[in-house]
Protein backbone atom coordinates (compact mmCIF):
# COMPACT_ATOMS: atom_id res chain seq x y z
CA UNK A 1 0.41 5.32 19.30
CA UNK A 2 -2.27 7.73 18.17
CA UNK A 3 -1.28 9.26 14.82
CA UNK A 4 -0.34 12.94 14.74
CA UNK A 5 -2.55 15.33 12.83
CA UNK A 6 0.28 17.67 11.81
CA UNK A 7 3.98 17.62 11.07
CA UNK A 8 6.07 20.44 12.54
CA UNK A 9 2.78 22.10 13.55
CA UNK A 10 1.83 22.55 9.90
CA UNK A 11 -1.13 20.79 8.23
CA UNK A 12 0.07 18.60 5.42
CA UNK A 13 -1.85 16.98 2.60
CA UNK A 14 -1.02 14.75 -0.34
CA UNK A 15 -3.56 15.19 -3.12
CA UNK A 16 -3.03 11.76 -4.66
CA UNK A 17 -5.14 9.00 -3.07
CA UNK A 18 -3.64 6.39 -0.79
CA UNK A 19 -4.70 2.79 -1.34
CA UNK A 20 -4.01 0.48 1.61
CA UNK A 21 -3.82 -3.11 0.39
CA UNK A 22 -5.54 -5.33 2.95
CA UNK A 23 -6.39 -8.40 0.93
CA UNK A 24 -3.44 -10.71 1.60
CA UNK A 25 -3.83 -14.32 2.63
CA UNK A 26 -1.89 -13.90 5.93
CA UNK A 27 -0.81 -17.54 5.72
CA UNK A 28 2.24 -17.12 7.96
CA UNK A 29 0.30 -15.16 10.57
CA UNK A 30 -2.43 -17.78 10.81
CA UNK A 31 -5.16 -15.13 10.95
CA UNK A 32 -6.02 -12.07 8.91
CA UNK A 33 -3.39 -9.39 9.56
CA UNK A 34 -5.72 -6.64 8.43
CA UNK A 35 -8.03 -7.42 11.37
CA UNK A 36 -5.43 -7.64 14.16
CA UNK A 37 -5.72 -5.06 16.98
CA UNK A 38 -3.02 -2.42 16.71
CA UNK A 39 -2.04 0.93 18.20
CA UNK A 40 -5.20 1.39 20.24
CA UNK A 41 -7.47 0.55 17.30
CA UNK A 42 -9.61 -2.53 16.88
CA UNK A 43 -7.83 -3.39 13.64
CA UNK A 44 -4.53 -2.68 11.94
CA UNK A 45 -6.49 -1.40 8.94
CA UNK A 46 -8.26 1.24 11.04
CA UNK A 47 -4.93 2.26 12.55
CA UNK A 48 -3.43 2.76 9.11
CA UNK A 49 -6.43 4.80 7.95
CA UNK A 50 -6.33 6.99 11.06
CA UNK A 51 -2.65 7.82 10.95
CA UNK A 52 -2.72 8.82 7.28
CA UNK A 53 -6.10 10.55 7.29
CA UNK A 54 -4.66 14.00 8.14
CA UNK A 55 -2.24 13.78 5.22
CA UNK A 56 -4.25 12.43 2.26
CA UNK A 57 -7.35 13.84 0.59
CA UNK A 58 -8.68 10.31 0.05
CA UNK A 59 -7.84 6.93 1.53
CA UNK A 60 -9.11 3.61 0.19
CA UNK A 61 -8.81 0.03 1.38
CA UNK A 62 -8.06 -2.46 -1.38
CA UNK A 63 -9.38 -5.97 -0.73
CA UNK A 64 -10.86 -9.06 -2.29
CA UNK A 65 -14.14 -8.46 -0.46
CA UNK A 66 -15.19 -5.79 2.02
CA UNK A 67 -17.45 -8.25 3.85
CA UNK A 68 -14.72 -9.13 6.36
CA UNK A 69 -14.56 -5.56 7.68
CA UNK A 70 -17.04 -4.40 10.32
CA UNK A 71 -16.25 -0.68 10.02
CA UNK A 72 -17.03 2.02 7.49
CA UNK A 73 -14.37 2.97 4.96
CA UNK A 74 -13.96 3.54 1.24
CA UNK A 75 -13.26 0.07 -0.13
CA UNK A 76 -11.96 -0.97 -3.54
CA UNK A 77 -12.85 -4.60 -4.13
CA UNK A 78 -10.95 -6.65 -6.68
CA UNK A 79 -12.71 -6.74 -10.02
CA UNK A 80 -14.79 -9.93 -10.29
CA UNK A 81 -13.26 -10.95 -13.61
CA UNK A 82 -10.06 -11.82 -11.72
CA UNK A 83 -10.10 -14.92 -9.53
CA UNK A 84 -6.50 -14.77 -8.31
CA UNK A 85 -5.47 -12.81 -5.23
CA UNK A 86 -2.41 -10.70 -6.04
CA UNK A 87 -1.27 -7.09 -5.67
CA UNK A 88 -1.32 -6.78 -9.46
CA UNK A 89 -5.08 -7.42 -9.34
CA UNK A 90 -5.46 -4.84 -6.59
CA UNK A 91 -3.62 -2.25 -8.67
CA UNK A 92 -5.72 -2.95 -11.76
CA UNK A 93 -8.88 -2.68 -9.68
CA UNK A 94 -7.74 0.58 -8.09
CA UNK A 95 -6.87 2.30 -11.35
CA UNK A 96 -10.03 1.14 -13.09
CA UNK A 97 -12.33 2.21 -10.28
CA UNK A 98 -10.65 5.44 -9.18
CA UNK A 99 -9.75 6.94 -12.57
CA UNK A 100 -6.75 8.63 -10.93
CA UNK A 101 -3.49 9.40 -12.71
CA UNK A 102 -1.28 8.67 -9.68
CA UNK A 103 -1.90 6.58 -6.57
CA UNK A 104 0.16 5.90 -3.47
CA UNK A 105 0.17 2.27 -2.34
CA UNK A 106 0.88 0.76 1.06
CA UNK A 107 0.56 -2.76 2.42
CA UNK A 108 -1.64 -2.83 5.52
CA UNK A 109 1.00 -4.77 7.47
CA UNK A 110 3.64 -2.03 7.15
CA UNK A 111 2.78 0.26 10.10
CA UNK A 112 6.03 2.23 10.20
CA UNK A 113 6.14 3.59 6.65
CA UNK A 114 5.22 7.24 7.10
CA UNK A 115 3.73 10.26 5.41
CA UNK A 116 7.26 11.69 5.17
CA UNK A 117 8.37 8.53 3.39
CA UNK A 118 5.64 9.02 0.78
CA UNK A 119 6.75 12.63 0.39
CA UNK A 120 10.26 11.36 -0.30
CA UNK A 121 8.95 9.10 -3.06
CA UNK A 122 6.78 11.81 -4.60
CA UNK A 123 9.78 14.15 -4.70
CA UNK A 124 11.35 11.72 -7.19
CA UNK A 125 8.29 11.43 -9.45
CA UNK A 126 8.95 12.77 -12.95
CA UNK A 127 6.62 13.08 -15.95
CA UNK A 128 8.38 10.09 -17.50
CA UNK A 129 8.23 7.83 -14.46
CA UNK A 130 5.64 5.05 -14.28
CA UNK A 131 6.55 4.04 -10.74
CA UNK A 132 8.65 5.36 -7.88
CA UNK A 133 9.58 2.42 -5.68
CA UNK A 134 10.99 2.50 -2.18
CA UNK A 135 14.13 0.40 -1.87
CA UNK A 136 15.11 -0.76 1.60
CA UNK A 137 18.65 -1.94 2.41
CA UNK A 138 17.44 -5.50 1.76
CA UNK A 139 15.02 -5.36 -1.20
CA UNK A 140 12.61 -3.44 -3.42
CA UNK A 141 9.34 -2.54 -1.69
CA UNK A 142 6.61 -2.64 -4.36
CA UNK A 143 3.85 -2.05 -1.81
CA UNK A 144 5.48 1.11 -0.52
CA UNK A 145 5.35 2.80 -3.89
CA UNK A 146 3.81 5.53 -6.04
CA UNK A 147 2.31 4.27 -9.31
CA UNK A 148 1.12 6.06 -12.44
CA UNK A 149 -1.88 4.94 -14.52
CA UNK A 150 0.45 4.18 -17.43
CA UNK A 151 1.29 0.84 -15.78
CA UNK A 152 -2.28 -0.43 -16.29
CA UNK A 153 -1.85 -2.13 -19.69
CA UNK A 154 1.32 -3.83 -18.47
CA UNK A 155 -0.48 -5.07 -15.35
CA UNK A 156 -3.30 -6.45 -17.47
CA UNK A 157 -0.89 -8.28 -19.78
CA UNK A 158 0.94 -9.82 -16.83
CA UNK A 159 -2.31 -10.76 -15.09
CA UNK A 160 -3.54 -12.53 -18.22
CA UNK A 161 -0.36 -14.60 -18.13
CA UNK A 162 -0.70 -14.97 -14.33
CA UNK A 163 2.77 -13.49 -13.87
CA UNK A 164 2.68 -11.63 -10.58
CA UNK A 165 6.34 -10.93 -9.85
CA UNK A 166 6.88 -7.19 -9.51
CA UNK A 167 10.26 -7.49 -11.17
CA UNK A 168 8.43 -8.50 -14.37
CA UNK A 169 6.46 -5.25 -14.13
CA UNK A 170 9.42 -3.04 -13.26
CA UNK A 171 11.40 -4.38 -16.20
CA UNK A 172 8.61 -3.26 -18.56
CA UNK A 173 8.10 0.28 -17.29
CA UNK A 174 10.05 3.40 -16.41
CA UNK A 175 10.85 2.71 -12.76
CA UNK A 176 12.67 4.97 -10.33
CA UNK A 177 14.08 3.25 -7.24
CA UNK A 178 14.54 5.43 -4.17
CA UNK A 179 16.98 3.99 -1.63
CA UNK A 180 16.28 4.17 2.10
CA UNK A 181 19.06 3.74 4.65
CA UNK A 182 16.89 2.17 7.35
CA UNK A 183 15.00 -1.13 7.24
CA UNK A 184 12.56 -0.18 10.02
CA UNK A 185 9.96 1.67 7.86
CA UNK A 186 9.49 -1.58 5.96
CA UNK A 187 8.97 -3.85 8.96
CA UNK A 188 6.21 -6.30 8.06
CA UNK A 189 3.94 -8.06 10.52
CA UNK A 190 4.06 -11.43 8.84
CA UNK A 191 4.20 -13.84 11.78
CA UNK A 192 2.79 -14.01 15.32
CA UNK A 193 6.34 -13.44 16.61
CA UNK A 194 6.80 -10.25 14.58
CA UNK A 195 3.39 -9.00 15.69
CA UNK A 196 4.16 -9.72 19.35
CA UNK A 197 7.49 -7.87 19.16
CA UNK A 198 5.73 -4.73 17.92
CA UNK A 199 2.65 -4.66 20.15
CA UNK A 200 4.25 -5.76 23.44
């Protein structure tokens, strides 16, 4: 399960940073998903970094605190003024600390969403779009998405009200939904059973 370094024998790079969100509570798993062994790596987080490293100029790990990780990486810790744990907080923290116009976002527990899938999303990005969201056959996938900095004030308003539903965000901004025909890229490792089915 080692990640390939090229696609079709051609080096490929996305010049927007990738932020891997690894700060979830993992309540259904019973242990931290970000630290589970996966794909020949000591942790799922390291696997995700390794497989995308050939294709992104910069990769960051978004988290509440980097103290739980025992490997070197570029971490973006949640801003201390926010006490809640939520993807909205991770997005605010990423945009404030990176000063990037566009970022690609992936949940750490989604090991089958690929570089090509991000390319598909980026192909739909327009100057007017605030977010390009993958849409699986079952649901929107807000953590398999490309976001523009213009969402920041909306995120801050919602965070102040402690409203963390992504639908509340998408209703406020210019959102492009990109449908995918297959559910597999969005397979989440949420439970011990789902994890066992993938690694065995």
